[in-house]
Amino acid sequence: MDCSVVITTYNRARLLAETLHCLESQQVPGGLRWEVVVIDNNSRDETREVVRRFGKSSSQTVQYAFEPRQGQSFARNLGIEMADGDVILFTDDDILPSPDWVPRMLSTIATGDLDGAGGRVLPRWEAEVPRWLSSRRDLWTWLALAEGDEACMLEYPVRVTRRIVGASMAFRREVFEEFGRFPTTLGHRGVRLYGGEEVEFVNRLLLNKKRIGYDPSIVVNHRIRADRLRKSFFLRRLFDHACGQAQFLTPEGGATILGVELWRYRQLLESVGRTAVHTALRRPDAFSRQLDLVHAAGSIWGTLRWRSRRHLGARE
């Protein structure tokens, strides 16, 4: 195979069907050999049947596998193991790739002599965007969008303004053979939106002098559901992200409670006070204060979790 398209999915059979339809409509050059690999990450809906029907009607080679370990990284890693392509493309079950997505991704990697590449991820809003969100473009990062209109090479460490995201990325097979796969302690796990696995993997490659590019001519649309246009989504997203990233924090010394430095607790209490005041007074920055609070709380919760796990591992 010239390339494999790996899709991870969890309880989104209806959305997955539309993603598969977009892949069936790809306008690829004659002679290009490619396949679709769907990894069902413990779904309880009709995902298996959707893939079966697609495989029966599609002219493409279609592989399906069930990954019972909950977590997008587990699913992607199984997809890498199953994929037969020299280049492995990744997308998600709520993504609508443009008709030229596959050939443009391959062309970008080939012509730029790249080890990996990604493209634009534009929003397909499924509900009206509230005013508070339309005026906070900095929050759109948490919706896994990539909207830069200039091609560039990624640099270590990956920055928000110069990155690729899992909805539209591809790597040569050999980078996985040489540098491993996605970290399973990161990434989304069911309703827990830890994320961060793509950034960790890309940073790992960049540290080893691999070439990864961003090409805005590679376009997909990300379906943004109504439930992701609420403040509660962003509060939960930041809490989960901080919890996942806490595993990389190193102890700074000094007094601790349950393995967490005292200054972190003080910082949290101060944040609680500020947030309560600004929220009660309905100040314009109240939501920003709330975001800071859940980030601090997530960092402490994650530190408790990860350091406790390391301690138990050390005892065993």
C-alpha atoms as a PDB file:
ATOM      1  CA  MET A   1       0.000   0.000   0.000  1.00  0.00           C
ATOM      2  CA  ASP A   2       1.122   3.543  -0.728  1.00  0.00           C
ATOM      3  CA  CYS A   3      -0.810   4.853   2.255  1.00  0.00           C
ATOM      4  CA  SER A   4      -3.264   3.921   4.976  1.00  0.00           C
ATOM      5  CA  VAL A   5      -5.926   6.203   6.461  1.00  0.00           C
ATOM      6  CA  VAL A   6      -6.432   5.397  10.150  1.00  0.00           C
ATOM      7  CA  ILE A   7      -9.682   6.526  11.781  1.00  0.00           C
ATOM      8  CA  THR A   8     -10.291   6.045  15.486  1.00  0.00           C
ATOM      9  CA  THR A   9     -13.902   6.130  16.613  1.00  0.00           C
ATOM     10  CA  TYR A  10     -15.940   5.915  19.802  1.00  0.00           C
ATOM     11  CA  ASN A  11     -19.760   5.804  19.806  1.00  0.00           C
ATOM     12  CA  ARG A  12     -20.212   8.042  16.770  1.00  0.00           C
ATOM     13  CA  ALA A  13     -21.570   5.656  14.154  1.00  0.00           C
ATOM     14  CA  ARG A  14     -23.617   8.328  12.365  1.00  0.00           C
ATOM     15  CA  LEU A  15     -20.732  10.781  12.120  1.00  0.00           C
ATOM     16  CA  LEU A  16     -18.329   8.018  11.132  1.00  0.00           C
ATOM     17  CA  ALA A  17     -20.541   7.114   8.170  1.00  0.00           C
ATOM     18  CA  GLU A  18     -20.166  10.641   6.799  1.00  0.00           C
ATOM     19  CA  THR A  19     -16.395  10.602   7.279  1.00  0.00           C
ATOM     20  CA  LEU A  20     -16.198   7.309   5.386  1.00  0.00           C
ATOM     21  CA  HIS A  21     -18.357   8.763   2.604  1.00  0.00           C
ATOM     22  CA  CYS A  22     -15.856  11.636   2.226  1.00  0.00           C
ATOM     23  CA  LEU A  23     -13.016   9.137   1.962  1.00  0.00           C
ATOM     24  CA  GLU A  24     -14.899   7.144  -0.677  1.00  0.00           C
ATOM     25  CA  SER A  25     -15.144  10.385  -2.680  1.00  0.00           C
ATOM     26  CA  GLN A  26     -11.394  11.056  -2.674  1.00  0.00           C
ATOM     27  CA  GLN A  27     -10.036  12.047  -6.070  1.00  0.00           C
ATOM     28  CA  VAL A  28      -6.811  10.079  -6.111  1.00  0.00           C
ATOM     29  CA  PRO A  29      -4.533   9.526  -9.130  1.00  0.00           C
ATOM     30  CA  GLY A  30      -4.797   6.221 -10.926  1.00  0.00           C
ATOM     31  CA  GLY A  31      -2.516   3.523  -9.595  1.00  0.00           C
ATOM     32  CA  LEU A  32      -2.402   4.906  -6.046  1.00  0.00           C
ATOM     33  CA  ARG A  33      -2.912   2.004  -3.662  1.00  0.00           C
ATOM     34  CA  TRP A  34      -4.484   2.970  -0.363  1.00  0.00           C
ATOM     35  CA  GLU A  35      -6.712   1.600   2.360  1.00  0.00           C
ATOM     36  CA  VAL A  36      -8.973   2.663   5.207  1.00  0.00           C
ATOM     37  CA  VAL A  37      -8.324   1.292   8.711  1.00  0.00           C
ATOM     38  CA  VAL A  38     -11.092   1.863  11.271  1.00  0.00           C
ATOM     39  CA  ILE A  39     -10.309   1.253  14.941  1.00  0.00           C
ATOM     40  CA  ASP A  40     -13.416   0.924  17.070  1.00  0.00           C
ATOM     41  CA  ASN A  41     -12.373   2.090  20.531  1.00  0.00           C
ATOM     42  CA  ASN A  42     -14.904   0.184  22.630  1.00  0.00           C
ATOM     43  CA  SER A  43     -18.052   1.575  20.980  1.00  0.00           C
ATOM     44  CA  ARG A  44     -21.477   0.356  22.034  1.00  0.00           C
ATOM     45  CA  ASP A  45     -23.430   1.683  19.060  1.00  0.00           C
ATOM     46  CA  GLU A  46     -23.668   0.539  15.414  1.00  0.00           C
ATOM     47  CA  THR A  47     -20.055   1.344  14.535  1.00  0.00           C
ATOM     48  CA  ARG A  48     -19.173  -2.203  13.492  1.00  0.00           C
ATOM     49  CA  GLU A  49     -22.199  -2.405  11.190  1.00  0.00           C
ATOM     50  CA  VAL A  50     -21.426   1.001   9.642  1.00  0.00           C
ATOM     51  CA  VAL A  51     -17.910  -0.159   8.780  1.00  0.00           C
ATOM     52  CA  ARG A  52     -19.189  -3.498   7.481  1.00  0.00           C
ATOM     53  CA  ARG A  53     -21.637  -1.791   5.105  1.00  0.00           C
ATOM     54  CA  PHE A  54     -18.957   0.636   3.944  1.00  0.00           C
ATOM     55  CA  GLY A  55     -16.479  -2.166   3.283  1.00  0.00           C
ATOM     56  CA  LYS A  56     -19.087  -4.072   1.299  1.00  0.00           C
ATOM     57  CA  SER A  57     -19.897  -1.134  -0.985  1.00  0.00           C
ATOM     58  CA  SER A  58     -16.493   0.581  -1.189  1.00  0.00           C
ATOM     59  CA  SER A  59     -13.893   0.028  -3.846  1.00  0.00           C
ATOM     60  CA  GLN A  60     -11.212   0.601  -1.194  1.00  0.00           C
ATOM     61  CA  THR A  61      -9.569  -1.965   1.005  1.00  0.00           C
ATOM     62  CA  VAL A  62     -11.164  -1.571   4.445  1.00  0.00           C
ATOM     63  CA  GLN A  63      -9.870  -2.994   7.706  1.00  0.00           C
ATOM     64  CA  TYR A  64     -11.764  -2.982  11.003  1.00  0.00           C
ATOM     65  CA  ALA A  65     -10.536  -3.797  14.505  1.00  0.00           C
ATOM     66  CA  PHE A  66     -11.979  -3.471  18.000  1.00  0.00           C
ATOM     67  CA  GLU A  67      -9.705  -1.953  20.660  1.00  0.00           C
ATOM     68  CA  PRO A  68     -11.196  -2.574  24.138  1.00  0.00           C
ATOM     69  CA  ARG A  69      -8.626  -0.475  26.007  1.00  0.00           C
ATOM     70  CA  GLN A  70     -10.263   2.926  26.319  1.00  0.00           C
ATOM     71  CA  GLY A  71      -8.085   5.691  24.917  1.00  0.00           C
ATOM     72  CA  GLN A  72      -7.415   7.286  21.570  1.00  0.00           C
ATOM     73  CA  SER A  73      -3.704   6.549  21.801  1.00  0.00           C
ATOM     74  CA  PHE A  74      -4.409   2.833  22.243  1.00  0.00           C
ATOM     75  CA  ALA A  75      -6.635   2.979  19.182  1.00  0.00           C
ATOM     76  CA  ARG A  76      -4.164   4.899  17.031  1.00  0.00           C
ATOM     77  CA  ASN A  77      -1.342   2.591  17.998  1.00  0.00           C
ATOM     78  CA  LEU A  78      -3.389  -0.436  16.962  1.00  0.00           C
ATOM     79  CA  GLY A  79      -4.133   1.339  13.683  1.00  0.00           C
ATOM     80  CA  ILE A  80      -0.405   1.803  13.089  1.00  0.00           C
ATOM     81  CA  GLU A  81       0.138  -1.895  13.750  1.00  0.00           C
ATOM     82  CA  MET A  82      -2.566  -2.896  11.265  1.00  0.00           C
ATOM     83  CA  ALA A  83      -1.772  -0.363   8.541  1.00  0.00           C
ATOM     84  CA  ASP A  84       0.008  -1.623   5.425  1.00  0.00           C
ATOM     85  CA  GLY A  85       0.802   1.791   3.922  1.00  0.00           C
ATOM     86  CA  ASP A  86       4.224   3.396   3.560  1.00  0.00           C
ATOM     87  CA  VAL A  87       2.601   6.620   4.792  1.00  0.00           C
ATOM     88  CA  ILE A  88      -0.013   6.589   7.552  1.00  0.00           C
ATOM     89  CA  LEU A  89      -2.670   9.312   7.574  1.00  0.00           C
ATOM     90  CA  PHE A  90      -4.778  10.028  10.647  1.00  0.00           C
ATOM     91  CA  THR A  91      -8.192  11.589  10.999  1.00  0.00           C
ATOM     92  CA  ASP A  92     -11.174  11.384  13.364  1.00  0.00           C
ATOM     93  CA  ASP A  93     -14.792  10.303  13.190  1.00  0.00           C
ATOM     94  CA  ASP A  94     -16.122  13.879  13.242  1.00  0.00           C
ATOM     95  CA  ILE A  95     -13.981  15.076  10.339  1.00  0.00           C
ATOM     96  CA  LEU A  96     -15.033  15.742   6.737  1.00  0.00           C
ATOM     97  CA  PRO A  97     -11.899  15.608   4.532  1.00  0.00           C
ATOM     98  CA  SER A  98     -11.832  17.579   1.286  1.00  0.00           C
ATOM     99  CA  PRO A  99     -11.951  15.455  -1.905  1.00  0.00           C
ATOM    100  CA  ASP A 100      -8.213  15.968  -2.460  1.00  0.00           C
ATOM    101  CA  TRP A 101      -7.145  15.350   1.140  1.00  0.00           C
ATOM    102  CA  VAL A 102      -5.317  12.055   0.545  1.00  0.00           C
ATOM    103  CA  PRO A 103      -3.370  13.085  -2.589  1.00  0.00           C
ATOM    104  CA  ARG A 104      -2.440  16.500  -1.189  1.00  0.00           C
ATOM    105  CA  MET A 105      -1.130  14.975   2.038  1.00  0.00           C
ATOM    106  CA  LEU A 106       1.004  12.486   0.109  1.00  0.00           C
ATOM    107  CA  SER A 107       2.215  15.162  -2.316  1.00  0.00           C
ATOM    108  CA  THR A 108       3.237  17.493   0.518  1.00  0.00           C
ATOM    109  CA  ILE A 109       5.294  14.773   2.175  1.00  0.00           C
ATOM    110  CA  ALA A 110       6.875  13.624  -1.091  1.00  0.00           C
ATOM    111  CA  THR A 111       7.725  17.006  -2.630  1.00  0.00           C
ATOM    112  CA  GLY A 112       8.975  18.450   0.643  1.00  0.00           C
ATOM    113  CA  ASP A 113      10.911  15.325   1.568  1.00  0.00           C
ATOM    114  CA  LEU A 114       9.117  15.409   4.903  1.00  0.00           C
ATOM    115  CA  ASP A 115       8.769  12.840   7.659  1.00  0.00           C
ATOM    116  CA  GLY A 116       5.344  14.158   8.604  1.00  0.00           C
ATOM    117  CA  ALA A 117       2.776  16.744   7.593  1.00  0.00           C
ATOM    118  CA  GLY A 118      -0.571  18.252   8.524  1.00  0.00           C
ATOM    119  CA  GLY A 119      -3.014  20.791   7.204  1.00  0.00           C
ATOM    120  CA  ARG A 120      -5.853  23.157   7.951  1.00  0.00           C
ATOM    121  CA  VAL A 121      -8.669  22.030  10.204  1.00  0.00           C
ATOM    122  CA  LEU A 122     -11.590  24.412   9.767  1.00  0.00           C
ATOM    123  CA  PRO A 123     -14.778  24.514  11.856  1.00  0.00           C
ATOM    124  CA  ARG A 124     -18.114  23.199  10.626  1.00  0.00           C
ATOM    125  CA  TRP A 125     -20.359  24.698  13.275  1.00  0.00           C
ATOM    126  CA  GLU A 126     -23.451  22.619  14.049  1.00  0.00           C
ATOM    127  CA  ALA A 127     -25.035  25.383  16.117  1.00  0.00           C
ATOM    128  CA  GLU A 128     -24.781  29.146  16.356  1.00  0.00           C
ATOM    129  CA  VAL A 129     -21.484  30.255  17.872  1.00  0.00           C
ATOM    130  CA  PRO A 130     -22.188  32.259  21.046  1.00  0.00           C
ATOM    131  CA  ARG A 131     -20.823  35.781  21.191  1.00  0.00           C
ATOM    132  CA  TRP A 132     -18.530  35.029  24.134  1.00  0.00           C
ATOM    133  CA  LEU A 133     -16.800  32.318  22.062  1.00  0.00           C
ATOM    134  CA  SER A 134     -16.620  34.178  18.749  1.00  0.00           C
ATOM    135  CA  SER A 135     -14.730  36.946  20.547  1.00  0.00           C
ATOM    136  CA  ARG A 136     -12.321  34.488  22.232  1.00  0.00           C
ATOM    137  CA  ARG A 137     -10.408  32.997  19.308  1.00  0.00           C
ATOM    138  CA  ASP A 138      -7.730  31.862  21.741  1.00  0.00           C
ATOM    139  CA  LEU A 139     -10.210  29.234  22.983  1.00  0.00           C
ATOM    140  CA  TRP A 140     -10.626  27.754  19.512  1.00  0.00           C
ATOM    141  CA  THR A 141      -7.357  25.917  20.047  1.00  0.00           C
ATOM    142  CA  TRP A 142      -9.235  23.614  22.430  1.00  0.00           C
ATOM    143  CA  LEU A 143     -11.576  22.675  19.576  1.00  0.00           C
ATOM    144  CA  ALA A 144      -8.644  21.042  17.717  1.00  0.00           C
ATOM    145  CA  LEU A 145      -8.651  23.620  14.929  1.00  0.00           C
ATOM    146  CA  ALA A 146      -5.669  24.670  12.823  1.00  0.00           C
ATOM    147  CA  GLU A 147      -6.432  27.703  10.695  1.00  0.00           C
ATOM    148  CA  GLY A 148      -3.059  29.129   9.661  1.00  0.00           C
ATOM    149  CA  ASP A 149      -2.972  30.235   6.032  1.00  0.00           C
ATOM    150  CA  GLU A 150       0.801  30.087   5.529  1.00  0.00           C
ATOM    151  CA  ALA A 151       2.906  26.971   4.935  1.00  0.00           C
ATOM    152  CA  CYS A 152       5.673  26.433   7.470  1.00  0.00           C
ATOM    153  CA  MET A 153       8.025  23.924   9.033  1.00  0.00           C
ATOM    154  CA  LEU A 154       7.387  22.988  12.640  1.00  0.00           C
ATOM    155  CA  GLU A 155      10.012  23.792  15.241  1.00  0.00           C
ATOM    156  CA  TYR A 156      10.671  22.423  18.712  1.00  0.00           C
ATOM    157  CA  PRO A 157       8.831  22.992  20.945  1.00  0.00           C
ATOM    158  CA  VAL A 158       5.547  22.959  19.030  1.00  0.00           C
ATOM    159  CA  ARG A 159       3.633  26.222  19.366  1.00  0.00           C
ATOM    160  CA  VAL A 160      -0.104  26.793  19.166  1.00  0.00           C
ATOM    161  CA  THR A 161       0.395  29.068  16.170  1.00  0.00           C
ATOM    162  CA  ARG A 162       2.559  26.545  14.326  1.00  0.00           C
ATOM    163  CA  ARG A 163       1.329  22.995  14.779  1.00  0.00           C
ATOM    164  CA  ILE A 164      -0.502  20.051  13.267  1.00  0.00           C
ATOM    165  CA  VAL A 165      -3.421  18.248  14.916  1.00  0.00           C
ATOM    166  CA  GLY A 166      -4.718  14.696  14.921  1.00  0.00           C
ATOM    167  CA  ALA A 167      -7.720  15.485  12.729  1.00  0.00           C
ATOM    168  CA  SER A 168      -5.385  15.845   9.742  1.00  0.00           C
ATOM    169  CA  MET A 169      -1.843  14.551  10.031  1.00  0.00           C
ATOM    170  CA  ALA A 170       0.396  11.977   8.363  1.00  0.00           C
ATOM    171  CA  PHE A 171       3.781  10.364   8.992  1.00  0.00           C
ATOM    172  CA  ARG A 172       6.075   8.025   7.153  1.00  0.00           C
ATOM    173  CA  ARG A 173       5.855   4.531   8.586  1.00  0.00           C
ATOM    174  CA  GLU A 174       9.525   4.440   9.497  1.00  0.00           C
ATOM    175  CA  VAL A 175       9.196   7.183  12.139  1.00  0.00           C
ATOM    176  CA  PHE A 176       7.000   4.867  14.208  1.00  0.00           C
ATOM    177  CA  GLU A 177       9.473   2.047  13.785  1.00  0.00           C
ATOM    178  CA  GLU A 178      12.327   4.294  14.896  1.00  0.00           C
ATOM    179  CA  PHE A 179      10.737   6.468  17.589  1.00  0.00           C
ATOM    180  CA  GLY A 180       7.778   4.499  18.893  1.00  0.00           C
ATOM    181  CA  ARG A 181       4.120   5.388  18.980  1.00  0.00           C
ATOM    182  CA  PHE A 182       1.666   7.674  20.750  1.00  0.00           C
ATOM    183  CA  PRO A 183       1.897   7.779  24.574  1.00  0.00           C
ATOM    184  CA  THR A 184      -1.026   5.896  26.101  1.00  0.00           C
ATOM    185  CA  THR A 185      -1.091   8.007  29.259  1.00  0.00           C
ATOM    186  CA  LEU A 186      -2.207  10.942  27.097  1.00  0.00           C
ATOM    187  CA  GLY A 187      -4.993  11.385  24.549  1.00  0.00           C
ATOM    188  CA  HIS A 188      -8.749  11.299  24.942  1.00  0.00           C
ATOM    189  CA  ARG A 189     -10.185   8.432  26.971  1.00  0.00           C
ATOM    190  CA  GLY A 190     -13.925   8.228  26.555  1.00  0.00           C
ATOM    191  CA  VAL A 191     -15.239  11.357  28.273  1.00  0.00           C
ATOM    192  CA  ARG A 192     -11.820  12.315  29.678  1.00  0.00           C
ATOM    193  CA  LEU A 193     -10.249  14.783  27.256  1.00  0.00           C
ATOM    194  CA  TYR A 194      -6.595  14.621  28.263  1.00  0.00           C
ATOM    195  CA  GLY A 195      -5.220  15.310  24.773  1.00  0.00           C
ATOM    196  CA  GLY A 196      -1.566  16.178  24.301  1.00  0.00           C
ATOM    197  CA  GLU A 197      -0.459  12.906  22.692  1.00  0.00           C
ATOM    198  CA  GLU A 198       0.074  14.470  19.278  1.00  0.00           C
ATOM    199  CA  VAL A 199       2.168  17.301  20.680  1.00  0.00           C
ATOM    200  CA  GLU A 200       4.328  14.859  22.648  1.00  0.00           C
ATOM    201  CA  PHE A 201       4.888  12.674  19.581  1.00  0.00           C
ATOM    202  CA  VAL A 202       5.659  15.575  17.245  1.00  0.00           C
ATOM    203  CA  ASN A 203       8.057  17.106  19.782  1.00  0.00           C
ATOM    204  CA  ARG A 204       9.794  13.740  20.041  1.00  0.00           C
ATOM    205  CA  LEU A 205      10.338  13.718  16.278  1.00  0.00           C
ATOM    206  CA  LEU A 206      11.484  17.341  16.136  1.00  0.00           C
ATOM    207  CA  LEU A 207      14.029  16.720  18.888  1.00  0.00           C
ATOM    208  CA  ASN A 208      15.452  14.020  16.649  1.00  0.00           C
ATOM    209  CA  LYS A 209      15.764  16.364  13.651  1.00  0.00           C
ATOM    210  CA  LYS A 210      12.791  14.993  11.738  1.00  0.00           C
ATOM    211  CA  ARG A 211      11.127  17.303   9.239  1.00  0.00           C
ATOM    212  CA  ILE A 212       7.427  18.042   9.762  1.00  0.00           C
ATOM    213  CA  GLY A 213       5.525  20.576   7.707  1.00  0.00           C
ATOM    214  CA  TYR A 214       2.210  22.398   7.787  1.00  0.00           C
ATOM    215  CA  ASP A 215       0.459  22.945   4.442  1.00  0.00           C
ATOM    216  CA  PRO A 216      -2.739  25.054   4.402  1.00  0.00           C
ATOM    217  CA  SER A 217      -3.769  23.572   1.043  1.00  0.00           C
ATOM    218  CA  ILE A 218      -4.567  20.312   2.885  1.00  0.00           C
ATOM    219  CA  VAL A 219      -8.059  20.961   4.224  1.00  0.00           C
ATOM    220  CA  VAL A 220     -10.560  19.116   6.394  1.00  0.00           C
ATOM    221  CA  ASN A 221     -13.658  20.363   8.204  1.00  0.00           C
ATOM    222  CA  HIS A 222     -14.193  19.583  11.866  1.00  0.00           C
ATOM    223  CA  ARG A 223     -17.798  19.175  12.925  1.00  0.00           C
ATOM    224  CA  ILE A 224     -18.230  21.174  16.138  1.00  0.00           C
ATOM    225  CA  ARG A 225     -21.275  19.925  18.016  1.00  0.00           C
ATOM    226  CA  ALA A 226     -23.520  22.198  20.053  1.00  0.00           C
ATOM    227  CA  ASP A 227     -22.306  20.727  23.348  1.00  0.00           C
ATOM    228  CA  ARG A 228     -18.809  22.001  22.580  1.00  0.00           C
ATOM    229  CA  LEU A 229     -20.043  25.574  22.323  1.00  0.00           C
ATOM    230  CA  ARG A 230     -20.742  25.800  26.043  1.00  0.00           C
ATOM    231  CA  LYS A 231     -18.482  27.189  28.727  1.00  0.00           C
ATOM    232  CA  SER A 232     -18.762  23.899  30.610  1.00  0.00           C
ATOM    233  CA  PHE A 233     -16.954  22.121  27.758  1.00  0.00           C
ATOM    234  CA  PHE A 234     -13.938  24.422  27.946  1.00  0.00           C
ATOM    235  CA  LEU A 235     -13.805  24.197  31.737  1.00  0.00           C
ATOM    236  CA  ARG A 236     -13.781  20.413  31.546  1.00  0.00           C
ATOM    237  CA  ARG A 237     -11.293  20.430  28.664  1.00  0.00           C
ATOM    238  CA  LEU A 238      -8.761  22.534  30.571  1.00  0.00           C
ATOM    239  CA  PHE A 239      -9.200  20.486  33.739  1.00  0.00           C
ATOM    240  CA  ASP A 240      -8.568  17.224  31.870  1.00  0.00           C
ATOM    241  CA  HIS A 241      -5.622  18.671  29.945  1.00  0.00           C
ATOM    242  CA  ALA A 242      -3.954  19.894  33.141  1.00  0.00           C
ATOM    243  CA  CYS A 243      -4.570  16.514  34.748  1.00  0.00           C
ATOM    244  CA  GLY A 244      -2.858  14.718  31.856  1.00  0.00           C
ATOM    245  CA  GLN A 245       0.081  17.096  31.701  1.00  0.00           C
ATOM    246  CA  ALA A 246       0.709  16.808  35.443  1.00  0.00           C
ATOM    247  CA  GLN A 247       2.545  13.527  34.870  1.00  0.00           C
ATOM    248  CA  PHE A 248       5.431  15.538  33.405  1.00  0.00           C
ATOM    249  CA  LEU A 249       5.788  17.868  36.383  1.00  0.00           C
ATOM    250  CA  THR A 250       8.876  17.272  38.486  1.00  0.00           C
ATOM    251  CA  PRO A 251       8.820  17.723  42.286  1.00  0.00           C
ATOM    252  CA  GLU A 252      10.259  21.103  43.251  1.00  0.00           C
ATOM    253  CA  GLY A 253      11.114  20.254  46.830  1.00  0.00           C
ATOM    254  CA  GLY A 254       9.751  21.724  50.037  1.00  0.00           C
ATOM    255  CA  ALA A 255       6.782  20.707  52.173  1.00  0.00           C
ATOM    256  CA  THR A 256       4.074  18.612  50.550  1.00  0.00           C
ATOM    257  CA  ILE A 257       0.656  17.154  51.312  1.00  0.00           C
ATOM    258  CA  LEU A 258      -0.009  13.801  49.636  1.00  0.00           C
ATOM    259  CA  GLY A 259       2.929  14.446  47.361  1.00  0.00           C
ATOM    260  CA  VAL A 260       1.770  17.888  46.166  1.00  0.00           C
ATOM    261  CA  GLU A 261       3.742  21.010  47.048  1.00  0.00           C
ATOM    262  CA  LEU A 262       2.065  23.347  49.545  1.00  0.00           C
ATOM    263  CA  TRP A 263       2.427  26.338  47.252  1.00  0.00           C
ATOM    264  CA  ARG A 264       0.130  24.634  44.739  1.00  0.00           C
ATOM    265  CA  TYR A 265      -2.623  24.365  47.340  1.00  0.00           C
ATOM    266  CA  ARG A 266      -2.143  28.029  48.297  1.00  0.00           C
ATOM    267  CA  GLN A 267      -2.313  29.001  44.643  1.00  0.00           C
ATOM    268  CA  LEU A 268      -5.538  27.033  44.265  1.00  0.00           C
ATOM    269  CA  LEU A 269      -7.162  28.649  47.303  1.00  0.00           C
ATOM    270  CA  GLU A 270      -6.215  32.117  46.068  1.00  0.00           C
ATOM    271  CA  SER A 271      -7.684  31.278  42.679  1.00  0.00           C
ATOM    272  CA  VAL A 272     -10.915  30.092  44.315  1.00  0.00           C
ATOM    273  CA  GLY A 273     -11.250  33.422  46.120  1.00  0.00           C
ATOM    274  CA  ARG A 274     -10.556  35.560  43.039  1.00  0.00           C
ATOM    275  CA  THR A 275     -12.872  33.490  40.882  1.00  0.00           C
ATOM    276  CA  ALA A 276     -15.725  33.668  43.381  1.00  0.00           C
ATOM    277  CA  VAL A 277     -15.474  37.464  43.610  1.00  0.00           C
ATOM    278  CA  HIS A 278     -15.192  38.079  39.862  1.00  0.00           C
ATOM    279  CA  THR A 279     -18.024  35.635  39.101  1.00  0.00           C
ATOM    280  CA  ALA A 280     -20.348  37.092  41.742  1.00  0.00           C
ATOM    281  CA  LEU A 281     -19.701  40.620  40.452  1.00  0.00           C
ATOM    282  CA  ARG A 282     -20.094  39.432  36.840  1.00  0.00           C
ATOM    283  CA  ARG A 283     -16.864  41.027  35.797  1.00  0.00           C
ATOM    284  CA  PRO A 284     -15.793  40.657  32.150  1.00  0.00           C
ATOM    285  CA  ASP A 285     -12.834  38.457  33.060  1.00  0.00           C
ATOM    286  CA  ALA A 286     -14.872  36.068  35.239  1.00  0.00           C
ATOM    287  CA  PHE A 287     -14.718  33.217  32.732  1.00  0.00           C
ATOM    288  CA  SER A 288     -10.950  33.615  32.365  1.00  0.00           C
ATOM    289  CA  ARG A 289     -10.680  33.339  36.144  1.00  0.00           C
ATOM    290  CA  GLN A 290     -12.776  30.168  36.042  1.00  0.00           C
ATOM    291  CA  LEU A 291     -10.478  28.694  33.405  1.00  0.00           C
ATOM    292  CA  ASP A 292      -7.431  29.481  35.537  1.00  0.00           C
ATOM    293  CA  LEU A 293      -9.112  27.840  38.520  1.00  0.00           C
ATOM    294  CA  VAL A 294      -9.972  24.562  36.786  1.00  0.00           C
ATOM    295  CA  HIS A 295      -6.484  24.417  35.289  1.00  0.00           C
ATOM    296  CA  ALA A 296      -4.911  24.739  38.743  1.00  0.00           C
ATOM    297  CA  ALA A 297      -7.331  22.166  40.172  1.00  0.00           C
ATOM    298  CA  GLY A 298      -6.626  19.761  37.318  1.00  0.00           C
ATOM    299  CA  SER A 299      -2.896  20.113  37.821  1.00  0.00           C
ATOM    300  CA  ILE A 300      -3.202  19.205  41.509  1.00  0.00           C
ATOM    301  CA  TRP A 301      -5.569  16.319  40.855  1.00  0.00           C
ATOM    302  CA  GLY A 302      -3.291  14.990  38.126  1.00  0.00           C
ATOM    303  CA  THR A 303      -0.220  15.323  40.357  1.00  0.00           C
ATOM    304  CA  LEU A 304      -1.950  13.345  43.095  1.00  0.00           C
ATOM    305  CA  ARG A 305      -2.903  10.685  40.580  1.00  0.00           C
ATOM    306  CA  TRP A 306       0.405  10.301  38.761  1.00  0.00           C
ATOM    307  CA  ARG A 307       2.700  10.517  41.801  1.00  0.00           C
ATOM    308  CA  SER A 308       0.519   8.025  43.660  1.00  0.00           C
ATOM    309  CA  ARG A 309       0.763   5.667  40.710  1.00  0.00           C
ATOM    310  CA  ARG A 310       4.557   6.018  40.593  1.00  0.00           C
ATOM    311  CA  HIS A 311       4.759   5.399  44.338  1.00  0.00           C
ATOM    312  CA  LEU A 312       2.698   2.243  44.081  1.00  0.00           C
ATOM    313  CA  GLY A 313       4.793   1.122  41.126  1.00  0.00           C
ATOM    314  CA  ALA A 314       7.989   1.694  43.090  1.00  0.00           C
ATOM    315  CA  ARG A 315       6.641  -0.329  46.027  1.00  0.00           C
ATOM    316  CA  GLU A 316       5.703  -3.200  43.728  1.00  0.00           C
END
